[in-house]
Amino acid sequence: MTPDAPAESWWRSNLRTEPRPGFQHVLIERNVCKDSGTSSIEAYNADDVNIQYNETYGTVKKAGGAESNGIDSDRATTGAIVQQLGI
């Protein structure tokens, strides 16, 4: 792949040989989320995530959504800690 190739092309060509792009060592804290759709706070494709001291309320399922939740440690997330919540 050339450096100017679209990101989707890079992803497909390196799917089995390169680590997935994502986030590591993430801290999400002291947020208030009201009336969010599907998930107020969602960790997706992340490693070593600490979600703490957050408040979520009024979360609603969007049309076509599989679920609704205040905090979601979702697909390909490892090492997540969720603590001290107001849900």
N, C-alpha and C. Protein backbone atom coordinates (compact mmCIF):
# COMPACT_ATOMS: atom_id res chain seq x y z
N MET A 1 0.84 -1.19 0.00
CA MET A 1 0.00 0.00 0.00
C MET A 1 0.88 1.24 0.00
N THR A 2 0.43 2.24 -0.67
CA THR A 2 1.14 3.51 -0.69
C THR A 2 0.70 4.36 0.49
N PRO A 3 1.54 5.31 0.93
CA PRO A 3 1.14 6.15 2.07
C PRO A 3 -0.13 6.94 1.85
N ASP A 4 -0.46 7.23 0.58
CA ASP A 4 -1.67 8.03 0.32
C ASP A 4 -2.90 7.16 0.05
N ALA A 5 -2.80 5.86 0.26
CA ALA A 5 -3.95 4.97 0.06
C ALA A 5 -5.01 5.25 1.12
N PRO A 6 -6.29 5.08 0.78
CA PRO A 6 -7.36 5.29 1.77
C PRO A 6 -7.19 4.37 2.97
N ALA A 7 -7.61 4.83 4.12
CA ALA A 7 -7.47 4.05 5.35
C ALA A 7 -8.14 2.69 5.24
N GLU A 8 -9.29 2.62 4.60
CA GLU A 8 -10.00 1.34 4.45
C GLU A 8 -9.15 0.35 3.67
N SER A 9 -8.46 0.80 2.64
CA SER A 9 -7.59 -0.09 1.87
C SER A 9 -6.45 -0.59 2.74
N TRP A 10 -5.87 0.29 3.53
CA TRP A 10 -4.78 -0.13 4.43
C TRP A 10 -5.30 -1.16 5.41
N TRP A 11 -6.46 -0.93 5.97
CA TRP A 11 -7.02 -1.85 6.96
C TRP A 11 -7.21 -3.23 6.35
N ARG A 12 -7.79 -3.31 5.18
CA ARG A 12 -8.05 -4.61 4.55
C ARG A 12 -6.75 -5.33 4.20
N SER A 13 -5.75 -4.63 3.73
CA SER A 13 -4.51 -5.28 3.31
C SER A 13 -3.66 -5.73 4.49
N ASN A 14 -3.83 -5.12 5.65
CA ASN A 14 -3.02 -5.43 6.82
C ASN A 14 -3.80 -6.13 7.92
N LEU A 15 -4.96 -6.62 7.61
CA LEU A 15 -5.84 -7.18 8.61
C LEU A 15 -5.20 -8.29 9.43
N ARG A 16 -4.42 -9.13 8.82
CA ARG A 16 -3.86 -10.27 9.54
C ARG A 16 -2.42 -10.05 9.99
N THR A 17 -1.75 -9.03 9.54
CA THR A 17 -0.33 -8.87 9.87
C THR A 17 -0.03 -7.72 10.81
N GLU A 18 -0.90 -6.75 10.92
CA GLU A 18 -0.64 -5.57 11.74
C GLU A 18 -1.62 -5.53 12.91
N PRO A 19 -1.22 -4.96 14.05
CA PRO A 19 -2.17 -4.80 15.15
C PRO A 19 -3.28 -3.83 14.76
N ARG A 20 -4.45 -4.03 15.37
CA ARG A 20 -5.57 -3.14 15.08
C ARG A 20 -5.31 -1.75 15.61
N PRO A 21 -5.72 -0.74 14.86
CA PRO A 21 -5.65 0.61 15.43
C PRO A 21 -6.64 0.72 16.58
N GLY A 22 -6.33 1.48 17.58
CA GLY A 22 -7.22 1.62 18.72
C GLY A 22 -6.60 2.53 19.76
N PHE A 23 -7.11 2.49 20.97
CA PHE A 23 -6.62 3.34 22.04
C PHE A 23 -6.09 2.49 23.18
N GLN A 24 -5.08 2.99 23.88
CA GLN A 24 -4.53 2.30 25.04
C GLN A 24 -4.39 3.29 26.19
N HIS A 25 -4.52 2.77 27.42
CA HIS A 25 -4.31 3.56 28.64
C HIS A 25 -5.23 4.78 28.68
N VAL A 26 -6.52 4.51 28.66
CA VAL A 26 -7.54 5.56 28.56
C VAL A 26 -8.20 5.80 29.92
N LEU A 27 -8.39 7.05 30.27
CA LEU A 27 -9.11 7.44 31.48
C LEU A 27 -10.30 8.30 31.07
N ILE A 28 -11.50 7.85 31.44
CA ILE A 28 -12.72 8.61 31.18
C ILE A 28 -13.36 8.86 32.53
N GLU A 29 -13.41 10.11 32.97
CA GLU A 29 -13.94 10.38 34.30
C GLU A 29 -14.64 11.72 34.39
N ARG A 30 -15.53 11.79 35.40
CA ARG A 30 -16.23 13.02 35.79
C ARG A 30 -17.05 13.64 34.66
N ASN A 31 -17.84 12.80 34.00
CA ASN A 31 -18.76 13.26 32.95
C ASN A 31 -20.19 13.06 33.41
N VAL A 32 -21.08 13.91 32.93
CA VAL A 32 -22.51 13.75 33.14
C VAL A 32 -23.14 13.69 31.75
N CYS A 33 -23.84 12.59 31.47
CA CYS A 33 -24.45 12.38 30.16
C CYS A 33 -25.95 12.21 30.33
N LYS A 34 -26.71 13.03 29.63
CA LYS A 34 -28.17 13.00 29.74
C LYS A 34 -28.79 12.76 28.37
N ASP A 35 -29.79 11.87 28.32
CA ASP A 35 -30.59 11.62 27.11
C ASP A 35 -29.75 11.22 25.90
N SER A 36 -28.75 10.38 26.12
CA SER A 36 -27.92 9.89 25.02
C SER A 36 -28.68 8.82 24.25
N GLY A 37 -28.26 8.58 23.03
CA GLY A 37 -28.83 7.51 22.24
C GLY A 37 -27.92 6.30 22.24
N THR A 38 -28.45 5.14 22.51
CA THR A 38 -27.79 3.84 22.54
C THR A 38 -26.81 3.71 23.70
N SER A 39 -25.68 4.40 23.71
CA SER A 39 -24.72 4.34 24.83
C SER A 39 -24.25 5.75 25.17
N SER A 40 -24.22 6.06 26.45
CA SER A 40 -23.71 7.37 26.85
C SER A 40 -22.18 7.40 26.75
N ILE A 41 -21.54 6.37 27.29
CA ILE A 41 -20.08 6.26 27.23
C ILE A 41 -19.77 4.86 26.71
N GLU A 42 -18.99 4.77 25.65
CA GLU A 42 -18.69 3.47 25.05
C GLU A 42 -17.20 3.34 24.77
N ALA A 43 -16.61 2.27 25.28
CA ALA A 43 -15.22 1.93 24.97
C ALA A 43 -15.27 0.88 23.87
N TYR A 44 -14.59 1.14 22.77
CA TYR A 44 -14.63 0.25 21.60
C TYR A 44 -13.22 0.10 21.05
N ASN A 45 -12.74 -1.12 20.96
CA ASN A 45 -11.40 -1.40 20.43
C ASN A 45 -10.34 -0.67 21.24
N ALA A 46 -10.36 -0.84 22.55
CA ALA A 46 -9.43 -0.14 23.42
C ALA A 46 -8.85 -1.11 24.46
N ASP A 47 -7.66 -0.81 24.93
CA ASP A 47 -6.99 -1.62 25.95
C ASP A 47 -6.65 -0.75 27.16
N ASP A 48 -6.82 -1.32 28.34
CA ASP A 48 -6.50 -0.63 29.59
C ASP A 48 -7.32 0.65 29.73
N VAL A 49 -8.62 0.46 29.88
CA VAL A 49 -9.57 1.57 29.98
C VAL A 49 -10.10 1.67 31.41
N ASN A 50 -10.08 2.86 31.98
CA ASN A 50 -10.62 3.11 33.31
C ASN A 50 -11.74 4.14 33.17
N ILE A 51 -12.97 3.70 33.43
CA ILE A 51 -14.15 4.58 33.36
C ILE A 51 -14.65 4.75 34.78
N GLN A 52 -14.57 5.98 35.32
CA GLN A 52 -14.91 6.18 36.73
C GLN A 52 -15.53 7.55 36.98
N TYR A 53 -16.31 7.63 38.04
CA TYR A 53 -16.94 8.88 38.51
C TYR A 53 -17.76 9.56 37.42
N ASN A 54 -18.52 8.78 36.67
CA ASN A 54 -19.39 9.31 35.62
C ASN A 54 -20.85 9.11 36.01
N GLU A 55 -21.71 9.96 35.49
CA GLU A 55 -23.15 9.84 35.72
C GLU A 55 -23.85 9.83 34.38
N THR A 56 -24.71 8.82 34.16
CA THR A 56 -25.49 8.76 32.93
C THR A 56 -26.95 8.54 33.28
N TYR A 57 -27.84 9.18 32.53
CA TYR A 57 -29.27 8.97 32.72
C TYR A 57 -30.04 9.37 31.48
N GLY A 58 -31.21 8.76 31.33
CA GLY A 58 -32.07 9.07 30.19
C GLY A 58 -31.60 8.47 28.88
N THR A 59 -30.73 7.46 28.92
CA THR A 59 -30.25 6.83 27.69
C THR A 59 -31.39 6.07 27.03
N VAL A 60 -31.56 6.24 25.72
CA VAL A 60 -32.64 5.58 24.99
C VAL A 60 -32.09 4.80 23.80
N LYS A 61 -32.79 3.74 23.46
CA LYS A 61 -32.41 2.92 22.31
C LYS A 61 -32.79 3.63 21.03
N LYS A 62 -31.84 3.78 20.13
CA LYS A 62 -32.12 4.39 18.83
C LYS A 62 -32.77 3.36 17.91
N ALA A 63 -33.47 3.82 16.92
CA ALA A 63 -34.09 2.92 15.95
C ALA A 63 -33.02 2.05 15.30
N GLY A 64 -33.24 0.76 15.31
CA GLY A 64 -32.28 -0.16 14.70
C GLY A 64 -31.14 -0.55 15.61
N GLY A 65 -31.06 0.04 16.79
CA GLY A 65 -29.98 -0.28 17.73
C GLY A 65 -30.22 -1.63 18.38
N ALA A 66 -29.14 -2.30 18.72
CA ALA A 66 -29.25 -3.61 19.34
C ALA A 66 -29.50 -3.51 20.84
N GLU A 67 -29.14 -2.39 21.45
CA GLU A 67 -29.21 -2.26 22.90
C GLU A 67 -29.19 -0.79 23.29
N SER A 68 -29.39 -0.55 24.57
CA SER A 68 -29.14 0.79 25.11
C SER A 68 -28.57 0.61 26.50
N ASN A 69 -27.59 1.43 26.85
CA ASN A 69 -26.96 1.32 28.15
C ASN A 69 -26.24 2.61 28.49
N GLY A 70 -26.01 2.82 29.76
CA GLY A 70 -25.30 4.02 30.20
C GLY A 70 -23.82 3.96 29.86
N ILE A 71 -23.20 2.83 30.18
CA ILE A 71 -21.77 2.65 29.91
C ILE A 71 -21.58 1.28 29.28
N ASP A 72 -20.83 1.23 28.19
CA ASP A 72 -20.67 -0.01 27.44
C ASP A 72 -19.19 -0.27 27.15
N SER A 73 -18.67 -1.34 27.71
CA SER A 73 -17.33 -1.81 27.36
C SER A 73 -17.55 -2.80 26.23
N ASP A 74 -17.34 -2.36 25.00
CA ASP A 74 -17.82 -3.08 23.83
C ASP A 74 -16.71 -3.85 23.12
N ARG A 75 -16.96 -4.16 21.88
CA ARG A 75 -16.13 -5.04 21.05
C ARG A 75 -14.64 -4.72 21.12
N ALA A 76 -13.85 -5.76 21.31
CA ALA A 76 -12.38 -5.71 21.27
C ALA A 76 -11.80 -4.81 22.36
N THR A 77 -12.52 -4.62 23.45
CA THR A 77 -12.00 -3.85 24.58
C THR A 77 -11.50 -4.81 25.65
N THR A 78 -10.27 -4.59 26.13
CA THR A 78 -9.69 -5.47 27.14
C THR A 78 -9.18 -4.62 28.30
N GLY A 79 -9.11 -5.21 29.47
CA GLY A 79 -8.58 -4.53 30.64
C GLY A 79 -9.40 -3.34 31.08
N ALA A 80 -10.71 -3.41 30.93
CA ALA A 80 -11.57 -2.28 31.29
C ALA A 80 -11.99 -2.37 32.76
N ILE A 81 -11.94 -1.24 33.43
CA ILE A 81 -12.42 -1.10 34.81
C ILE A 81 -13.50 -0.03 34.79
N VAL A 82 -14.70 -0.39 35.29
CA VAL A 82 -15.81 0.55 35.37
C VAL A 82 -16.18 0.62 36.84
N GLN A 83 -16.08 1.82 37.46
CA GLN A 83 -16.29 1.93 38.91
C GLN A 83 -16.85 3.29 39.31
N GLN A 84 -17.42 3.35 40.51
CA GLN A 84 -17.92 4.60 41.12
C GLN A 84 -18.85 5.35 40.17
N LEU A 85 -20.02 4.74 39.90
CA LEU A 85 -20.93 5.30 38.91
C LEU A 85 -22.20 5.83 39.52
N GLY A 86 -22.83 6.75 38.82
CA GLY A 86 -24.18 7.19 39.14
C GLY A 86 -25.03 6.93 37.93
N ILE A 87 -25.66 5.75 37.86
CA ILE A 87 -26.44 5.38 36.68
C ILE A 87 -27.90 5.28 37.07
